[in-house]
Protein backbone atom coordinates (compact mmCIF):
# COMPACT_ATOMS: atom_id res chain seq x y z
CA MET A 1 -7.14 6.55 33.05
CA GLU A 2 -5.16 8.03 33.55
CA PHE A 3 -1.66 9.92 31.20
CA THR A 4 0.75 7.89 33.40
CA ALA A 5 0.70 5.21 31.08
CA PHE A 6 1.66 7.36 28.01
CA THR A 7 5.46 7.75 26.57
CA TRP A 8 6.60 10.92 24.69
CA THR A 9 8.26 10.07 20.99
CA ARG A 10 9.12 13.49 20.91
CA GLU A 11 9.31 15.75 24.15
CA PRO A 12 7.48 19.36 24.13
CA ALA A 13 8.98 22.05 25.68
CA SER A 14 7.52 21.67 28.83
CA TYR A 15 4.80 19.71 30.35
CA CYS A 16 2.92 18.33 33.73
CA VAL A 17 0.99 14.77 33.52
CA ARG A 18 -1.15 14.84 36.95
CA GLY A 19 -2.83 12.25 37.04
CA SER A 20 -5.82 12.43 33.73
CA GLU A 21 -4.29 15.92 33.63
CA LEU A 22 -2.09 17.21 31.28
CA THR A 23 -0.51 20.22 29.86
CA VAL A 24 2.58 20.87 27.24
CA VAL A 25 3.82 23.94 25.86
CA THR A 26 4.40 24.18 22.48
CA LYS A 27 8.26 25.04 20.81
CA PRO A 28 7.88 26.94 17.29
CA HIS A 29 8.59 25.68 14.50
CA THR A 30 6.93 22.19 14.76
CA ASP A 31 4.56 19.97 13.15
CA LEU A 32 3.31 16.96 11.74
CA TRP A 33 2.59 16.89 7.88
CA GLN A 34 3.90 15.35 4.53
CA ARG A 35 4.99 16.19 0.98
CA THR A 36 1.40 17.19 0.03
CA TYR A 37 0.74 20.17 -1.57
CA TYR A 38 3.19 22.36 0.51
CA HIS A 39 6.76 19.61 -0.25
CA PHE A 40 8.17 19.71 2.65
CA ARG A 41 8.21 17.92 5.30
CA ASN A 42 7.83 17.59 8.61
CA ASP A 43 8.06 15.19 11.84
CA ASN A 44 9.05 16.98 14.73
CA ALA A 45 5.31 17.81 16.59
CA PRO A 46 6.06 16.39 20.41
CA VAL A 47 3.59 13.01 20.63
CA PHE A 48 2.16 11.98 24.48
CA GLN A 49 0.75 8.07 22.89
CA MET A 50 0.23 4.09 24.53
CA GLU A 51 1.11 0.54 23.13
CA THR A 52 -2.29 -1.55 22.27
CA GLU A 53 -2.84 -4.61 21.02
CA GLU A 54 -6.86 -4.41 21.15
CA ARG A 55 -8.57 -4.66 18.10
CA GLN A 56 -11.64 -3.07 18.42
CA PHE A 57 -11.64 0.40 21.08
CA SER A 58 -12.32 4.28 21.78
CA PHE A 59 -10.29 6.87 23.11
CA VAL A 60 -11.28 10.32 24.62
CA VAL A 61 -10.15 13.61 25.45
CA LYS A 62 -11.47 16.73 26.40
CA THR A 63 -8.14 18.84 24.49
CA ALA A 64 -8.24 23.30 26.39
CA PHE A 65 -6.52 25.48 24.21
CA ARG A 66 -7.08 29.26 25.90
CA ASP A 67 -4.39 30.64 24.85
CA SER A 68 -3.74 29.92 20.95
CA HIS A 69 -3.20 32.92 19.08
CA GLN A 70 -1.27 31.96 15.72
CA ARG A 71 -1.90 30.25 12.54
CA PHE A 72 -1.57 26.48 12.94
CA ASP A 73 -1.24 26.38 16.95
CA GLN A 74 -3.16 22.69 17.40
CA CYS A 75 -3.30 19.94 19.60
CA GLY A 76 -5.34 17.05 19.83
CA ILE A 77 -5.91 13.76 18.94
CA VAL A 78 -3.33 11.61 17.41
CA LEU A 79 -2.09 7.98 16.11
CA TYR A 80 2.23 7.93 15.21
CA LEU A 81 2.64 4.99 14.05
CA ASP A 82 6.82 6.17 12.37
CA SER A 83 6.74 9.57 10.57
CA GLU A 84 4.92 8.70 7.54
CA ASN A 85 2.07 6.31 8.98
CA TRP A 86 -0.27 8.16 11.26
CA LEU A 87 -3.86 10.35 11.72
CA LYS A 88 -4.25 13.42 13.75
CA ALA A 89 -7.39 15.10 14.33
CA SER A 90 -7.10 19.60 16.45
CA VAL A 91 -8.23 22.96 16.27
CA GLU A 92 -6.26 25.36 14.66
CA TYR A 93 -6.13 28.31 15.15
CA GLU A 94 -6.30 30.99 11.85
CA ASN A 95 -7.47 34.22 13.20
CA ASP A 96 -9.01 36.55 15.35
CA VAL A 97 -12.64 35.99 12.62
CA PHE A 98 -12.64 31.88 13.28
CA GLN A 99 -9.66 28.88 12.89
CA HIS A 100 -10.16 25.37 11.29
CA LEU A 101 -11.08 22.23 12.89
CA GLY A 102 -9.69 19.31 10.93
CA SER A 103 -7.68 15.58 10.69
CA VAL A 104 -4.93 14.56 9.02
CA VAL A 105 -5.00 11.14 7.29
CA THR A 106 -1.43 10.27 6.51
CA ASN A 107 -0.51 6.43 3.97
CA GLY A 108 2.94 6.25 2.61
CA GLY A 109 4.25 10.30 3.23
CA TYR A 110 1.30 11.74 1.72
CA SER A 111 -1.05 14.23 3.55
CA ASP A 112 -4.20 15.39 3.60
CA TRP A 113 -6.71 17.26 5.27
CA ALA A 114 -10.01 17.70 5.87
CA THR A 115 -11.39 20.99 7.06
CA THR A 116 -14.44 23.01 8.47
CA GLU A 117 -14.49 26.31 9.92
CA LEU A 118 -15.62 27.60 13.86
CA PRO A 119 -16.36 30.80 15.08
CA ALA A 120 -12.84 31.41 16.79
CA SER A 121 -14.00 31.35 20.30
CA VAL A 122 -14.44 28.31 20.67
CA ARG A 123 -11.33 27.32 23.04
CA SER A 124 -11.86 23.54 23.55
CA MET A 125 -13.07 19.68 21.82
CA TRP A 126 -13.59 16.70 22.97
CA TYR A 127 -11.95 14.49 20.56
CA ARG A 128 -13.78 10.12 20.33
CA LEU A 129 -11.02 8.20 17.97
CA SER A 130 -12.46 4.20 16.99
CA ARG A 131 -10.38 1.46 15.66
CA ARG A 132 -12.02 -1.45 14.00
CA GLU A 133 -9.06 -3.08 12.84
CA ASP A 134 -7.28 -1.72 10.45
CA ASP A 135 -10.05 1.05 10.06
CA TYR A 136 -10.64 3.81 12.77
CA CYS A 137 -13.58 6.99 12.93
CA ILE A 138 -12.48 10.43 14.00
CA GLU A 139 -15.53 11.89 16.28
CA CYS A 140 -15.81 15.03 17.62
CA SER A 141 -17.33 17.16 20.76
CA GLU A 142 -17.77 20.33 22.72
CA ASP A 143 -19.45 18.91 24.94
CA GLY A 144 -17.79 15.64 25.17
CA VAL A 145 -21.99 14.09 25.02
CA THR A 146 -22.87 14.55 21.90
CA PHE A 147 -19.96 13.29 19.40
CA ARG A 148 -20.02 14.35 15.46
CA GLN A 149 -17.81 12.42 12.92
CA MET A 150 -15.28 14.37 10.93
CA ARG A 151 -13.59 11.55 9.14
CA ILE A 152 -13.64 7.72 8.35
CA CYS A 153 -10.44 5.99 7.22
CA HIS A 154 -8.00 2.57 6.97
CA MET A 155 -4.43 2.84 8.13
CA ASN A 156 -2.29 0.99 5.29
CA ARG A 157 0.08 0.03 8.88
CA GLY A 158 -2.77 0.42 10.66
CA ASN A 159 -3.27 -3.26 11.76
CA GLY A 160 -1.83 -5.86 15.24
CA ARG A 161 0.41 -3.68 17.53
CA ILE A 162 -0.53 0.33 17.33
CA ARG A 163 0.00 4.24 19.35
CA PHE A 164 -2.21 6.82 19.92
CA GLY A 165 -2.56 9.64 21.81
CA VAL A 166 -2.12 13.83 21.96
CA TYR A 167 0.36 15.46 20.99
CA ALA A 168 -0.14 19.92 20.66
CA CYS A 169 2.64 22.06 18.18
CA SER A 170 2.98 25.51 17.07
CA PRO A 171 4.16 25.61 13.49
CA GLU A 172 5.10 29.42 12.56
CA GLU A 173 6.79 31.45 15.25
CA SER A 174 4.84 30.54 18.62
CA SER A 175 4.67 28.96 21.45
CA PHE A 176 1.09 28.28 24.24
CA GLN A 177 0.00 25.61 26.19
CA ALA A 178 -2.31 23.38 25.71
CA GLU A 179 -4.14 21.77 28.15
CA PHE A 180 -5.46 17.84 27.74
CA SER A 181 -8.15 16.36 30.58
CA HIS A 182 -10.40 13.50 30.87
CA PRO A 183 -8.80 10.65 28.77
CA GLN A 184 -11.59 8.03 28.66
CA LEU A 185 -9.95 4.07 26.38
CA LEU A 186 -13.71 2.70 26.09
CA ASP A 187 -15.32 -0.90 24.44
CA CYS A 188 -15.18 0.65 21.01
CA GLN A 189 -18.85 2.93 20.61
CA TRP A 190 -17.84 3.65 16.75
CA LYS A 191 -21.02 0.74 15.97
CA ALA A 192 -20.36 -2.46 13.47
CA HIS A 193 -22.09 -1.76 10.38
CA ASP A 194 -25.78 -2.45 9.15
CA GLY A 195 -27.00 -2.26 5.80
CA GLN A 196 -25.15 -2.40 2.96
CA GLN A 197 -23.09 -5.85 2.57
CA PRO A 198 -19.37 -6.79 1.45
CA ASP A 199 -19.78 -7.70 -2.18
CA ALA A 200 -17.96 -10.90 -3.01
CA GLU A 201 -14.43 -12.39 -3.02
């Protein structure tokens, strides 16, 4: 898979696309967040996506962020439908000791944020975003082979045609180079549920 099928929702300060490799230089004060807790609304992060109506698939990509250095510098996967409906997953720089591996799901204009701490020495991460109808699974991996579940979520407007891809941003006074590589579009790797049956209608 190559990034040539992707288009910008918003362009970064600078970028370079070479087949299956993408580098992005972020602008300061760019972010995605809606309302919750902080009360502000930020909707200006560069987003590079492709469209699909495929109801079941997995998208895999590797991210590298060797020079992130300011609080909240981040890059990762995104499914951006509109300003009030999207999800993202990334590693966000915090300090020289630890950073946050996290995901945000925004439905109807309100964001959440689920995180776990990682050592500041981690400088790359793989992600796998899987779709089943309007439900989604986000996974991460440090080697691109063994993936760990980060979260399962529902997108209120995530049915039908969607857009998904990658993003990078620097919410504070910062700029860094994010690198994306090894994009893959696969059959859905999130297996069908085998267990408790749904409640009867």
